[in-house]
Protein backbone atom coordinates (compact mmCIF):
# COMPACT_ATOMS: atom_id res chain seq x y z
CA MET A 1 -0.03 0.02 0.06
CA GLY A 2 1.43 3.40 -1.02
CA ASP A 3 2.15 6.24 1.34
CA LEU A 4 -0.98 8.23 0.10
CA ALA A 5 -3.28 5.29 0.58
CA LEU A 6 -1.94 4.71 4.07
CA HIS A 7 -2.64 8.36 4.93
CA VAL A 8 -6.11 8.15 3.56
CA ARG A 9 -6.72 4.91 5.47
CA ASP A 10 -5.45 6.53 8.76
CA HIS A 11 -7.63 9.52 8.19
CA LEU A 12 -10.79 7.50 7.43
CA VAL A 13 -10.15 5.18 10.47
CA LEU A 14 -9.67 8.13 12.82
CA SER A 15 -12.79 9.92 11.47
CA GLY A 16 -14.91 6.70 11.42
CA CYS A 17 -14.10 5.88 15.18
CA ALA A 18 -14.84 9.48 16.11
CA LEU A 19 -18.32 9.40 14.40
CA ALA A 20 -19.16 6.01 15.95
CA LEU A 21 -18.41 7.15 19.36
CA ALA A 22 -20.16 10.49 18.81
CA LEU A 23 -23.26 8.60 17.70
CA LEU A 24 -23.20 6.49 20.87
CA ALA A 25 -22.83 9.42 23.13
CA GLY A 26 -24.86 12.16 20.95
CA VAL A 27 -28.06 10.25 20.15
CA PRO A 28 -28.94 9.42 23.84
CA LEU A 29 -27.91 12.85 24.93
CA GLY A 30 -30.31 14.38 22.47
CA ALA A 31 -33.05 11.98 23.54
CA LEU A 32 -32.39 13.12 27.07
CA LEU A 33 -32.55 16.65 26.15
CA ALA A 34 -35.85 16.22 24.43
CA ARG A 35 -37.44 14.54 27.52
CA LEU A 36 -35.93 16.99 30.15
CA GLY A 37 -38.00 19.60 31.72
CA ALA A 38 -36.09 21.39 34.53
CA GLY A 39 -32.38 21.71 33.63
CA ARG A 40 -32.94 21.33 29.90
CA GLU A 41 -31.68 24.84 29.08
CA VAL A 42 -28.56 24.46 31.16
CA LEU A 43 -27.69 21.20 29.61
CA LEU A 44 -28.45 22.50 26.17
CA GLY A 45 -26.32 25.50 26.73
CA ALA A 46 -23.42 23.21 27.72
CA VAL A 47 -23.88 21.19 24.50
CA ASN A 48 -23.96 24.58 22.39
CA ALA A 49 -20.88 25.90 24.18
CA ALA A 50 -18.98 22.68 23.36
CA ARG A 51 -19.81 23.19 19.70
CA VAL A 52 -17.86 26.50 19.48
CA VAL A 53 -14.71 25.26 21.35
CA PRO A 54 -11.88 25.00 18.69
CA SER A 55 -10.67 21.37 18.06
CA LEU A 56 -7.21 22.63 18.35
CA ALA A 57 -7.86 23.94 21.74
CA VAL A 58 -9.28 20.58 22.81
CA LEU A 59 -6.12 18.93 21.44
CA ALA A 60 -4.06 21.29 23.57
CA VAL A 61 -6.07 20.46 26.72
CA MET A 62 -5.84 16.69 26.06
CA LEU A 63 -2.10 16.61 25.29
CA PRO A 64 -0.96 16.56 28.91
CA LEU A 65 -3.56 13.98 29.91
CA VAL A 66 -3.27 11.37 27.15
CA GLY A 67 -0.11 12.34 25.30
CA ILE A 68 0.34 12.48 21.48
CA GLY A 69 -1.06 10.33 18.84
CA PHE A 70 -4.40 8.85 17.93
CA ALA A 71 -6.08 9.12 21.36
CA PRO A 72 -6.12 12.86 21.96
CA ALA A 73 -7.15 13.33 18.27
CA LEU A 74 -9.89 11.05 18.73
CA VAL A 75 -11.17 12.69 21.84
CA ALA A 76 -11.07 16.10 20.22
CA LEU A 77 -13.15 14.90 17.20
CA VAL A 78 -15.65 13.09 19.33
CA LEU A 79 -16.30 16.25 21.26
CA LEU A 80 -16.59 18.04 18.00
CA ALA A 81 -19.12 15.58 16.54
CA ILE A 82 -21.45 15.28 19.66
CA PRO A 83 -23.11 18.55 19.54
CA PRO A 84 -24.68 18.52 16.09
CA ILE A 85 -25.89 15.09 16.60
CA ALA A 86 -27.35 15.75 20.04
CA ILE A 87 -28.90 19.10 18.99
CA ASN A 88 -30.54 17.61 16.00
CA THR A 89 -31.84 14.55 17.88
CA ASP A 90 -33.37 16.90 20.33
CA LEU A 91 -34.99 19.10 17.61
CA GLY A 92 -36.22 16.02 15.88
CA LEU A 93 -37.95 14.48 18.75
CA ARG A 94 -39.31 17.74 20.13
CA GLY A 95 -40.62 18.55 16.59
CA VAL A 96 -43.03 15.66 16.30
CA PRO A 97 -46.54 17.09 16.27
CA ALA A 98 -48.47 16.50 19.55
CA PRO A 99 -51.75 15.59 17.84
CA ILE A 100 -49.91 12.67 16.03
CA VAL A 101 -48.50 11.49 19.51
CA ASP A 102 -52.05 11.90 20.94
CA ALA A 103 -53.53 9.85 18.11
CA ALA A 104 -51.10 7.04 18.58
CA ARG A 105 -51.83 6.99 22.33
CA GLY A 106 -55.59 6.92 21.49
CA LEU A 107 -54.95 3.81 19.30
CA GLY A 108 -53.69 2.02 22.42
CA MET A 109 -49.89 2.36 21.91
CA SER A 110 -47.58 2.09 24.85
CA PRO A 111 -44.97 4.82 25.53
CA ALA A 112 -42.28 2.53 24.14
CA GLN A 113 -44.33 1.80 20.99
CA ILE A 114 -45.00 5.49 20.53
CA ARG A 115 -41.19 6.32 20.78
CA SER A 116 -40.13 3.41 18.30
CA ARG A 117 -42.94 3.61 15.79
CA VAL A 118 -44.08 7.25 15.85
CA GLU A 119 -41.44 9.76 17.36
CA TRP A 120 -38.20 8.23 16.14
CA PRO A 121 -39.36 7.48 12.47
CA LEU A 122 -40.59 11.11 12.31
CA ALA A 123 -37.49 12.62 13.91
CA LEU A 124 -34.96 10.52 11.77
CA PRO A 125 -34.60 12.95 8.99
CA VAL A 126 -33.60 15.69 11.31
CA VAL A 127 -31.25 13.39 13.12
CA PHE A 128 -29.72 12.14 10.10
CA ALA A 129 -29.10 15.81 9.02
CA GLY A 130 -27.03 16.24 12.28
CA VAL A 131 -25.08 13.13 11.42
CA ARG A 132 -24.30 14.49 7.99
CA THR A 133 -23.11 17.86 9.50
CA ALA A 134 -20.90 15.83 12.12
CA THR A 135 -19.42 13.78 9.41
CA VAL A 136 -18.29 16.60 7.35
CA GLU A 137 -16.90 18.54 10.32
CA VAL A 138 -15.09 15.50 11.61
CA ILE A 139 -13.39 14.57 8.25
CA ALA A 140 -12.38 18.17 7.67
CA SER A 141 -11.13 18.67 11.16
CA ALA A 142 -9.22 15.25 11.29
CA THR A 143 -6.38 17.11 9.55
CA LEU A 144 -5.56 18.60 12.83
CA ALA A 145 -4.43 15.09 14.11
CA ALA A 146 -1.15 15.58 12.34
CA PHE A 147 -0.18 18.29 14.74
CA ILE A 148 0.16 15.85 17.59
CA GLY A 149 1.26 12.72 15.55
CA GLY A 150 -2.17 11.33 14.92
CA GLY A 151 -1.58 10.76 11.14
CA GLY A 152 -3.98 11.35 8.32
CA LEU A 153 -3.97 13.61 5.45
CA GLY A 154 -3.10 16.51 7.62
CA GLU A 155 0.44 15.49 7.42
CA TYR A 156 0.62 16.38 3.70
CA ILE A 157 -0.57 19.84 4.51
CA ILE A 158 1.77 20.38 7.50
CA ASN A 159 4.73 19.03 5.59
CA GLY A 160 3.90 21.03 2.61
CA PHE A 161 3.82 24.28 4.69
CA ALA A 162 7.17 23.28 6.32
CA SER A 163 8.87 22.68 3.03
CA GLY A 164 7.15 25.27 0.89
CA ASP A 165 5.76 22.61 -1.31
CA VAL A 166 2.32 24.05 -2.57
CA ALA A 167 1.60 20.98 -4.61
CA GLN A 168 1.78 18.76 -1.47
CA GLN A 169 -0.42 21.21 0.55
CA LEU A 170 -2.98 21.14 -2.34
CA GLU A 171 -2.82 17.39 -2.49
CA GLY A 172 -3.72 16.95 1.12
CA ALA A 173 -6.40 19.80 1.04
CA VAL A 174 -8.11 18.46 -2.05
CA LEU A 175 -8.23 14.89 -0.67
CA VAL A 176 -9.84 15.91 2.51
CA ALA A 177 -12.37 18.05 0.64
CA VAL A 178 -13.12 14.99 -1.64
CA LEU A 179 -13.51 12.71 1.37
CA ALA A 180 -15.80 15.18 3.11
CA LEU A 181 -17.98 15.92 0.03
CA GLY A 182 -18.10 12.19 -0.82
CA ALA A 183 -19.21 11.11 2.58
CA ASP A 184 -21.89 13.82 2.63
CA ALA A 185 -23.13 12.74 -0.96
CA LEU A 186 -23.14 9.03 0.25
CA LEU A 187 -25.11 9.86 3.48
CA GLY A 188 -27.53 11.84 1.28
CA LEU A 189 -28.04 8.95 -1.06
CA LEU A 190 -28.67 6.62 1.92
CA GLU A 191 -31.13 9.16 3.37
CA ARG A 192 -33.16 9.11 0.11
CA ARG A 193 -32.78 5.49 -0.24
CA PHE A 194 -34.43 4.82 3.14
CA GLN A 195 -37.24 7.19 2.58
CA ARG A 196 -40.41 5.93 0.98
CA ALA A 197 -40.94 6.97 -2.59
CA ASP A 198 -44.21 8.41 -1.72
CA GLY A 199 -42.68 10.47 1.08
CA SER A 200 -44.74 8.72 3.84
CA GLN A 201 -43.53 7.73 7.20
CA PRO A 202 -43.33 4.06 8.49
CA ASP A 203 -46.72 2.50 9.15
CA TRP A 204 -47.07 3.23 12.91
CA GLY A 205 -50.90 3.79 12.55
CA ARG A 206 -51.89 0.14 12.84
CA GLN A 207 -53.37 -1.05 16.04
CA PRO A 208 -50.77 -2.78 18.03
CA GLY A 209 -51.11 -6.51 18.01
């Protein structure tokens, strides 16, 4: 495997691991936000505040704690990806129309059935939009891993700056842009793929058996 392919692989592995961990944390956090009454604004404010913290600042904070390499870069990217996923999950679940929930309850659905067959299917497009946003941000920001020895395509950009090699800088930057746009296009395709052709939602209106 060539040097470029290795860097692409490292970039994708780092981004993929960060997104997987962010999904595991961000979706439950968003669901919690949607259910909270008291204290919701405080937690939501903390999530929004985390969104504006630069990834480079997170790297600087993590450096004394976990050293250099893959781990601090992973932590920084996970913290970057959680807010858009959590916020969109919160928005999606809170955006489900109350009359639809009331109708499902009138059909005899349990709270668990309402969540799984009504609320989540209706919220899924908004949640998915948050995942797409997080994916693009993570792939683009993974270039910062090179500053602390985390590998990836950021090494091409940094080495290009150090040596004055504009072609190398462009090679890294263009590849990162291609990966980010390609991932966004793929997720958009999957989103359309899993939506019904008539635009309807999953069949949650049947009486529970």
